[in-house]
PDB file of N, CA and C in Angstrom:
ATOM      1  N   MET A   1     133.606 102.780  87.331  1.00  0.00           N
ATOM      2  CA  MET A   1     132.779 103.919  87.772  1.00  0.00           C
ATOM      3  C   MET A   1     133.622 104.830  88.667  1.00  0.00           C
ATOM      4  N   ASN A   2     133.594 106.126  88.370  1.00  0.00           N
ATOM      5  CA  ASN A   2     134.375 107.033  89.206  1.00  0.00           C
ATOM      6  C   ASN A   2     133.470 107.683  90.254  1.00  0.00           C
ATOM      7  N   THR A   3     134.060 108.485  91.111  1.00  0.00           N
ATOM      8  CA  THR A   3     133.301 109.089  92.214  1.00  0.00           C
ATOM      9  C   THR A   3     132.176 109.975  91.716  1.00  0.00           C
ATOM     10  N   ALA A   4     132.430 110.745  90.659  1.00  0.00           N
ATOM     11  CA  ALA A   4     131.398 111.644  90.132  1.00  0.00           C
ATOM     12  C   ALA A   4     130.180 110.850  89.670  1.00  0.00           C
ATOM     13  N   ASP A   5     130.421 109.735  88.991  1.00  0.00           N
ATOM     14  CA  ASP A   5     129.298 108.907  88.526  1.00  0.00           C
ATOM     15  C   ASP A   5     128.534 108.345  89.722  1.00  0.00           C
ATOM     16  N   ALA A   6     129.257 107.926  90.736  1.00  0.00           N
ATOM     17  CA  ALA A   6     128.605 107.355  91.918  1.00  0.00           C
ATOM     18  C   ALA A   6     127.715 108.397  92.583  1.00  0.00           C
ATOM     19  N   TRP A   7     128.234 109.616  92.752  1.00  0.00           N
ATOM     20  CA  TRP A   7     127.437 110.675  93.380  1.00  0.00           C
ATOM     21  C   TRP A   7     126.238 111.016  92.519  1.00  0.00           C
ATOM     22  N   SER A   8     126.415 111.025  91.202  1.00  0.00           N
ATOM     23  CA  SER A   8     125.305 111.339  90.299  1.00  0.00           C
ATOM     24  C   SER A   8     124.215 110.289  90.441  1.00  0.00           C
ATOM     25  N   ASN A   9     124.617 109.017  90.505  1.00  0.00           N
ATOM     26  CA  ASN A   9     123.634 107.939  90.652  1.00  0.00           C
ATOM     27  C   ASN A   9     122.907 108.061  91.987  1.00  0.00           C
ATOM     28  N   LEU A  10     123.649 108.368  93.056  1.00  0.00           N
ATOM     29  CA  LEU A  10     123.013 108.517  94.365  1.00  0.00           C
ATOM     30  C   LEU A  10     122.009 109.657  94.336  1.00  0.00           C
ATOM     31  N   LYS A  11     122.368 110.760  93.681  1.00  0.00           N
ATOM     32  CA  LYS A  11     121.465 111.911  93.608  1.00  0.00           C
ATOM     33  C   LYS A  11     120.207 111.541  92.834  1.00  0.00           C
ATOM     34  N   ASN A  12     120.376 110.798  91.736  1.00  0.00           N
ATOM     35  CA  ASN A  12     119.211 110.397  90.939  1.00  0.00           C
ATOM     36  C   ASN A  12     118.294 109.495  91.756  1.00  0.00           C
ATOM     37  N   VAL A  13     118.872 108.562  92.490  1.00  0.00           N
ATOM     38  CA  VAL A  13     118.068 107.670  93.326  1.00  0.00           C
ATOM     39  C   VAL A  13     117.331 108.493  94.377  1.00  0.00           C
ATOM     40  N   GLY A  14     118.018 109.459  94.957  1.00  0.00           N
ATOM     41  CA  GLY A  14     117.388 110.312  95.968  1.00  0.00           C
ATOM     42  C   GLY A  14     116.213 111.073  95.378  1.00  0.00           C
ATOM     43  N   ASP A  15     116.369 111.572  94.148  1.00  0.00           N
ATOM     44  CA  ASP A  15     115.276 112.301  93.499  1.00  0.00           C
ATOM     45  C   ASP A  15     114.078 111.386  93.294  1.00  0.00           C
ATOM     46  N   VAL A  16     114.334 110.153  92.875  1.00  0.00           N
ATOM     47  CA  VAL A  16     113.240 109.197  92.651  1.00  0.00           C
ATOM     48  C   VAL A  16     112.542 108.893  93.975  1.00  0.00           C
ATOM     49  N   VAL A  17     113.321 108.688  95.022  1.00  0.00           N
ATOM     50  CA  VAL A  17     112.739 108.392  96.339  1.00  0.00           C
ATOM     51  C   VAL A  17     111.852 109.549  96.781  1.00  0.00           C
ATOM     52  N   GLU A  18     112.325 110.775  96.598  1.00  0.00           N
ATOM     53  CA  GLU A  18     111.528 111.941  96.986  1.00  0.00           C
ATOM     54  C   GLU A  18     110.235 111.989  96.192  1.00  0.00           C
ATOM     55  N   ALA A  19     110.306 111.684  94.907  1.00  0.00           N
ATOM     56  CA  ALA A  19     109.107 111.708  94.058  1.00  0.00           C
ATOM     57  C   ALA A  19     108.107 110.662  94.535  1.00  0.00           C
ATOM     58  N   VAL A  20     108.599 109.462  94.848  1.00  0.00           N
ATOM     59  CA  VAL A  20     107.711 108.393  95.318  1.00  0.00           C
ATOM     60  C   VAL A  20     107.085 108.792  96.649  1.00  0.00           C
ATOM     61  N   ARG A  21     107.877 109.379  97.530  1.00  0.00           N
ATOM     62  CA  ARG A  21     107.340 109.813  98.827  1.00  0.00           C
ATOM     63  C   ARG A  21     106.241 110.835  98.619  1.00  0.00           C
ATOM     64  N   GLY A  22     106.441 111.735  97.663  1.00  0.00           N
ATOM     65  CA  GLY A  22     105.430 112.747  97.377  1.00  0.00           C
ATOM     66  C   GLY A  22     104.135 112.099  96.917  1.00  0.00           C
ATOM     67  N   LEU A  23     104.242 111.100  96.045  1.00  0.00           N
ATOM     68  CA  LEU A  23     103.044 110.413  95.550  1.00  0.00           C
ATOM     69  C   LEU A  23     102.346 109.680  96.694  1.00  0.00           C
ATOM     70  N   LEU A  24     103.123 109.006  97.538  1.00  0.00           N
ATOM     71  CA  LEU A  24     102.529 108.283  98.662  1.00  0.00           C
ATOM     72  C   LEU A  24     101.851 109.261  99.615  1.00  0.00           C
ATOM     73  N   ALA A  25     102.433 110.431  99.808  1.00  0.00           N
ATOM     74  CA  ALA A  25     101.840 111.428 100.699  1.00  0.00           C
ATOM     75  C   ALA A  25     100.498 111.890 100.138  1.00  0.00           C
ATOM     76  N   LYS A  26     100.416 112.051  98.818  1.00  0.00           N
ATOM     77  CA  LYS A  26      99.156 112.462  98.190  1.00  0.00           C
ATOM     78  C   LYS A  26      98.097 111.385  98.364  1.00  0.00           C
ATOM     79  N   GLU A  27      98.495 110.125  98.205  1.00  0.00           N
ATOM     80  CA  GLU A  27      97.548 109.016  98.308  1.00  0.00           C
ATOM     81  C   GLU A  27      97.041 108.863  99.740  1.00  0.00           C
ATOM     82  N   ALA A  28      97.900 109.140 100.723  1.00  0.00           N
ATOM     83  CA  ALA A  28      97.539 108.922 102.125  1.00  0.00           C
ATOM     84  C   ALA A  28      96.483 109.893 102.626  1.00  0.00           C
TER      85      ALA A  28
END
């Protein structure tokens, strides 16, 4: 895995985390 792939994976995880936070905020 090169640096670009690592950053891409981190960005994707961050997007998922943001989406989950948004859903939890709606539920709360």
